[in-house]
């Protein structure tokens, strides 16, 4: 029997979450509050319970995010996980991309310009910013 899993994240900004998913090549959509979304073979979630859904190329529901205590948590049926990487890898990738986007956003707010944004051989990300005050 399958069951739903709720995985906590550190994601707090809805707009940066959407950008992060796009950067990872994942298609997201806003759920229809009147619709039920099937997760696995027996679980259904009301669209009103979800803040955002992630779909595959065939528009099949893969997983969602639910606002919970000011953070967006991942909701999925791990028994029917269809991505080519694990849910743990997904959370690490989303959290890393989210952190990169938060840094870039905060740098821009403070007047910096992001010059480069690249992964380095250690698996870390290097973000170079500049600010030329005249």
C-alpha atoms as a PDB file:
ATOM      1  CA  UNK A   1       0.000   0.000   0.000  1.00  0.00           C
ATOM      2  CA  UNK A   2       1.347   3.391  -0.903  1.00  0.00           C
ATOM      3  CA  UNK A   3       1.261   6.443   1.314  1.00  0.00           C
ATOM      4  CA  UNK A   4       2.022  10.115   1.004  1.00  0.00           C
ATOM      5  CA  UNK A   5       5.316  11.476   2.231  1.00  0.00           C
ATOM      6  CA  UNK A   6       5.830  15.060   3.359  1.00  0.00           C
ATOM      7  CA  UNK A   7       9.473  16.171   3.152  1.00  0.00           C
ATOM      8  CA  UNK A   8      10.463  19.387   4.912  1.00  0.00           C
ATOM      9  CA  UNK A   9      12.482  21.968   3.016  1.00  0.00           C
ATOM     10  CA  UNK A  10      13.933  25.387   3.809  1.00  0.00           C
ATOM     11  CA  UNK A  11      12.051  26.997   0.921  1.00  0.00           C
ATOM     12  CA  UNK A  12      10.129  30.109   1.947  1.00  0.00           C
ATOM     13  CA  UNK A  13       9.768  32.197  -1.229  1.00  0.00           C
ATOM     14  CA  UNK A  14       7.173  30.981  -3.728  1.00  0.00           C
ATOM     15  CA  UNK A  15       8.610  33.004  -6.628  1.00  0.00           C
ATOM     16  CA  UNK A  16      12.169  31.744  -6.010  1.00  0.00           C
ATOM     17  CA  UNK A  17      10.854  28.156  -5.707  1.00  0.00           C
ATOM     18  CA  UNK A  18       9.232  28.474  -9.155  1.00  0.00           C
ATOM     19  CA  UNK A  19      12.446  29.876 -10.664  1.00  0.00           C
ATOM     20  CA  UNK A  20      14.504  27.118  -9.043  1.00  0.00           C
ATOM     21  CA  UNK A  21      12.255  24.393 -10.475  1.00  0.00           C
ATOM     22  CA  UNK A  22      12.494  25.997 -13.924  1.00  0.00           C
ATOM     23  CA  UNK A  23      16.302  26.146 -13.641  1.00  0.00           C
ATOM     24  CA  UNK A  24      16.279  22.413 -12.880  1.00  0.00           C
ATOM     25  CA  UNK A  25      14.184  21.728 -15.992  1.00  0.00           C
ATOM     26  CA  UNK A  26      11.038  20.818 -14.043  1.00  0.00           C
ATOM     27  CA  UNK A  27       7.629  21.988 -15.259  1.00  0.00           C
ATOM     28  CA  UNK A  28       5.410  23.439 -12.570  1.00  0.00           C
ATOM     29  CA  UNK A  29       1.801  24.560 -12.566  1.00  0.00           C
ATOM     30  CA  UNK A  30      -0.626  26.107 -10.162  1.00  0.00           C
ATOM     31  CA  UNK A  31      -3.117  23.464  -9.013  1.00  0.00           C
ATOM     32  CA  UNK A  32      -6.800  23.692  -9.835  1.00  0.00           C
ATOM     33  CA  UNK A  33      -8.458  23.979  -6.427  1.00  0.00           C
ATOM     34  CA  UNK A  34     -11.526  22.107  -7.716  1.00  0.00           C
ATOM     35  CA  UNK A  35      -9.486  19.135  -8.959  1.00  0.00           C
ATOM     36  CA  UNK A  36      -8.158  16.051  -7.199  1.00  0.00           C
ATOM     37  CA  UNK A  37      -4.586  15.022  -8.046  1.00  0.00           C
ATOM     38  CA  UNK A  38      -3.702  11.350  -8.021  1.00  0.00           C
ATOM     39  CA  UNK A  39      -0.501  10.323  -6.281  1.00  0.00           C
ATOM     40  CA  UNK A  40       0.331   6.668  -6.762  1.00  0.00           C
ATOM     41  CA  UNK A  41      -2.434   4.088  -6.860  1.00  0.00           C
ATOM     42  CA  UNK A  42      -4.657   5.107  -3.952  1.00  0.00           C
ATOM     43  CA  UNK A  43      -3.835   8.599  -2.791  1.00  0.00           C
ATOM     44  CA  UNK A  44      -5.512  11.763  -3.921  1.00  0.00           C
ATOM     45  CA  UNK A  45      -4.904  15.339  -2.887  1.00  0.00           C
ATOM     46  CA  UNK A  46      -7.290  18.202  -3.352  1.00  0.00           C
ATOM     47  CA  UNK A  47      -5.827  21.019  -5.416  1.00  0.00           C
ATOM     48  CA  UNK A  48      -6.667  23.362  -2.558  1.00  0.00           C
ATOM     49  CA  UNK A  49      -4.170  21.441  -0.367  1.00  0.00           C
ATOM     50  CA  UNK A  50      -1.277  22.197  -2.728  1.00  0.00           C
ATOM     51  CA  UNK A  51       0.519  25.446  -3.549  1.00  0.00           C
ATOM     52  CA  UNK A  52       2.304  24.172  -6.639  1.00  0.00           C
ATOM     53  CA  UNK A  53       2.464  20.942  -8.625  1.00  0.00           C
ATOM     54  CA  UNK A  54       5.237  19.526 -10.794  1.00  0.00           C
ATOM     55  CA  UNK A  55       4.231  17.619 -13.909  1.00  0.00           C
ATOM     56  CA  UNK A  56       6.061  15.555 -16.521  1.00  0.00           C
ATOM     57  CA  UNK A  57       5.924  16.028 -20.306  1.00  0.00           C
ATOM     58  CA  UNK A  58       2.615  14.128 -20.446  1.00  0.00           C
ATOM     59  CA  UNK A  59       1.144  16.435 -17.780  1.00  0.00           C
ATOM     60  CA  UNK A  60       1.148  13.617 -15.212  1.00  0.00           C
ATOM     61  CA  UNK A  61       1.388  14.810 -11.614  1.00  0.00           C
ATOM     62  CA  UNK A  62       4.825  13.908 -10.179  1.00  0.00           C
ATOM     63  CA  UNK A  63       4.882  15.705  -6.842  1.00  0.00           C
ATOM     64  CA  UNK A  64       3.752  18.926  -5.240  1.00  0.00           C
ATOM     65  CA  UNK A  65       4.648  21.550  -2.708  1.00  0.00           C
ATOM     66  CA  UNK A  66       2.430  22.488   0.196  1.00  0.00           C
ATOM     67  CA  UNK A  67       2.725  25.609   2.337  1.00  0.00           C
ATOM     68  CA  UNK A  68       3.304  24.488   5.912  1.00  0.00           C
ATOM     69  CA  UNK A  69       4.358  26.902   8.678  1.00  0.00           C
ATOM     70  CA  UNK A  70       5.826  29.498   6.268  1.00  0.00           C
ATOM     71  CA  UNK A  71       7.822  26.972   4.236  1.00  0.00           C
ATOM     72  CA  UNK A  72       7.015  24.887   1.176  1.00  0.00           C
ATOM     73  CA  UNK A  73       7.269  21.146   1.856  1.00  0.00           C
ATOM     74  CA  UNK A  74       7.472  18.456  -0.817  1.00  0.00           C
ATOM     75  CA  UNK A  75       4.477  16.101  -1.045  1.00  0.00           C
ATOM     76  CA  UNK A  76       4.923  12.827  -2.944  1.00  0.00           C
ATOM     77  CA  UNK A  77       4.064   9.151  -3.024  1.00  0.00           C
ATOM     78  CA  UNK A  78       7.551   7.642  -2.906  1.00  0.00           C
ATOM     79  CA  UNK A  79       6.238   4.169  -3.796  1.00  0.00           C
ATOM     80  CA  UNK A  80       5.397   5.575  -7.230  1.00  0.00           C
ATOM     81  CA  UNK A  81       8.413   7.856  -7.683  1.00  0.00           C
ATOM     82  CA  UNK A  82       9.095   8.026 -11.430  1.00  0.00           C
ATOM     83  CA  UNK A  83      12.019  10.433 -11.686  1.00  0.00           C
ATOM     84  CA  UNK A  84      15.454   9.068 -12.607  1.00  0.00           C
ATOM     85  CA  UNK A  85      16.917  10.327  -9.307  1.00  0.00           C
ATOM     86  CA  UNK A  86      15.808   9.771  -5.720  1.00  0.00           C
ATOM     87  CA  UNK A  87      13.603  12.091  -3.699  1.00  0.00           C
ATOM     88  CA  UNK A  88      16.630  12.879  -1.492  1.00  0.00           C
ATOM     89  CA  UNK A  89      18.619  13.927  -4.562  1.00  0.00           C
ATOM     90  CA  UNK A  90      15.691  16.066  -5.711  1.00  0.00           C
ATOM     91  CA  UNK A  91      15.480  17.856  -2.356  1.00  0.00           C
ATOM     92  CA  UNK A  92      19.258  18.482  -2.389  1.00  0.00           C
ATOM     93  CA  UNK A  93      19.061  19.842  -5.947  1.00  0.00           C
ATOM     94  CA  UNK A  94      16.029  22.051  -5.193  1.00  0.00           C
ATOM     95  CA  UNK A  95      17.597  23.351  -1.957  1.00  0.00           C
ATOM     96  CA  UNK A  96      20.915  24.106  -3.693  1.00  0.00           C
ATOM     97  CA  UNK A  97      19.262  25.852  -6.636  1.00  0.00           C
ATOM     98  CA  UNK A  98      16.966  27.722  -4.250  1.00  0.00           C
ATOM     99  CA  UNK A  99      19.957  28.912  -2.178  1.00  0.00           C
ATOM    100  CA  UNK A 100      21.756  30.067  -5.337  1.00  0.00           C
ATOM    101  CA  UNK A 101      18.686  32.024  -6.433  1.00  0.00           C
ATOM    102  CA  UNK A 102      18.212  33.589  -2.985  1.00  0.00           C
ATOM    103  CA  UNK A 103      21.851  34.770  -3.017  1.00  0.00           C
ATOM    104  CA  UNK A 104      21.478  36.225  -6.515  1.00  0.00           C
ATOM    105  CA  UNK A 105      18.177  37.910  -5.578  1.00  0.00           C
ATOM    106  CA  UNK A 106      19.599  39.425  -2.381  1.00  0.00           C
ATOM    107  CA  UNK A 107      22.726  40.610  -4.232  1.00  0.00           C
ATOM    108  CA  UNK A 108      20.563  42.371  -6.830  1.00  0.00           C
ATOM    109  CA  UNK A 109      18.470  43.990  -4.069  1.00  0.00           C
ATOM    110  CA  UNK A 110      21.672  45.429  -2.599  1.00  0.00           C
ATOM    111  CA  UNK A 111      22.838  46.873  -5.907  1.00  0.00           C
ATOM    112  CA  UNK A 112      25.197  44.118  -7.026  1.00  0.00           C
ATOM    113  CA  UNK A 113      25.278  42.614 -10.479  1.00  0.00           C
ATOM    114  CA  UNK A 114      25.731  38.833 -10.832  1.00  0.00           C
ATOM    115  CA  UNK A 115      28.695  38.366 -13.177  1.00  0.00           C
ATOM    116  CA  UNK A 116      28.921  34.575 -13.183  1.00  0.00           C
ATOM    117  CA  UNK A 117      27.142  31.632 -11.669  1.00  0.00           C
ATOM    118  CA  UNK A 118      28.788  28.248 -12.128  1.00  0.00           C
ATOM    119  CA  UNK A 119      29.291  24.870 -10.518  1.00  0.00           C
ATOM    120  CA  UNK A 120      32.863  24.083  -9.557  1.00  0.00           C
ATOM    121  CA  UNK A 121      34.572  20.679  -9.376  1.00  0.00           C
ATOM    122  CA  UNK A 122      33.898  20.317  -5.638  1.00  0.00           C
ATOM    123  CA  UNK A 123      30.147  20.290  -6.275  1.00  0.00           C
ATOM    124  CA  UNK A 124      29.759  23.783  -4.844  1.00  0.00           C
ATOM    125  CA  UNK A 125      28.463  26.767  -6.738  1.00  0.00           C
ATOM    126  CA  UNK A 126      30.507  29.888  -7.275  1.00  0.00           C
ATOM    127  CA  UNK A 127      28.602  33.150  -7.664  1.00  0.00           C
ATOM    128  CA  UNK A 128      30.602  36.238  -8.577  1.00  0.00           C
ATOM    129  CA  UNK A 129      29.003  39.658  -8.095  1.00  0.00           C
ATOM    130  CA  UNK A 130      30.240  43.194  -8.590  1.00  0.00           C
ATOM    131  CA  UNK A 131      29.159  46.635  -7.512  1.00  0.00           C
ATOM    132  CA  UNK A 132      30.794  49.724  -8.892  1.00  0.00           C
ATOM    133  CA  UNK A 133      29.871  52.796  -6.881  1.00  0.00           C
ATOM    134  CA  UNK A 134      30.776  56.059  -8.579  1.00  0.00           C
END
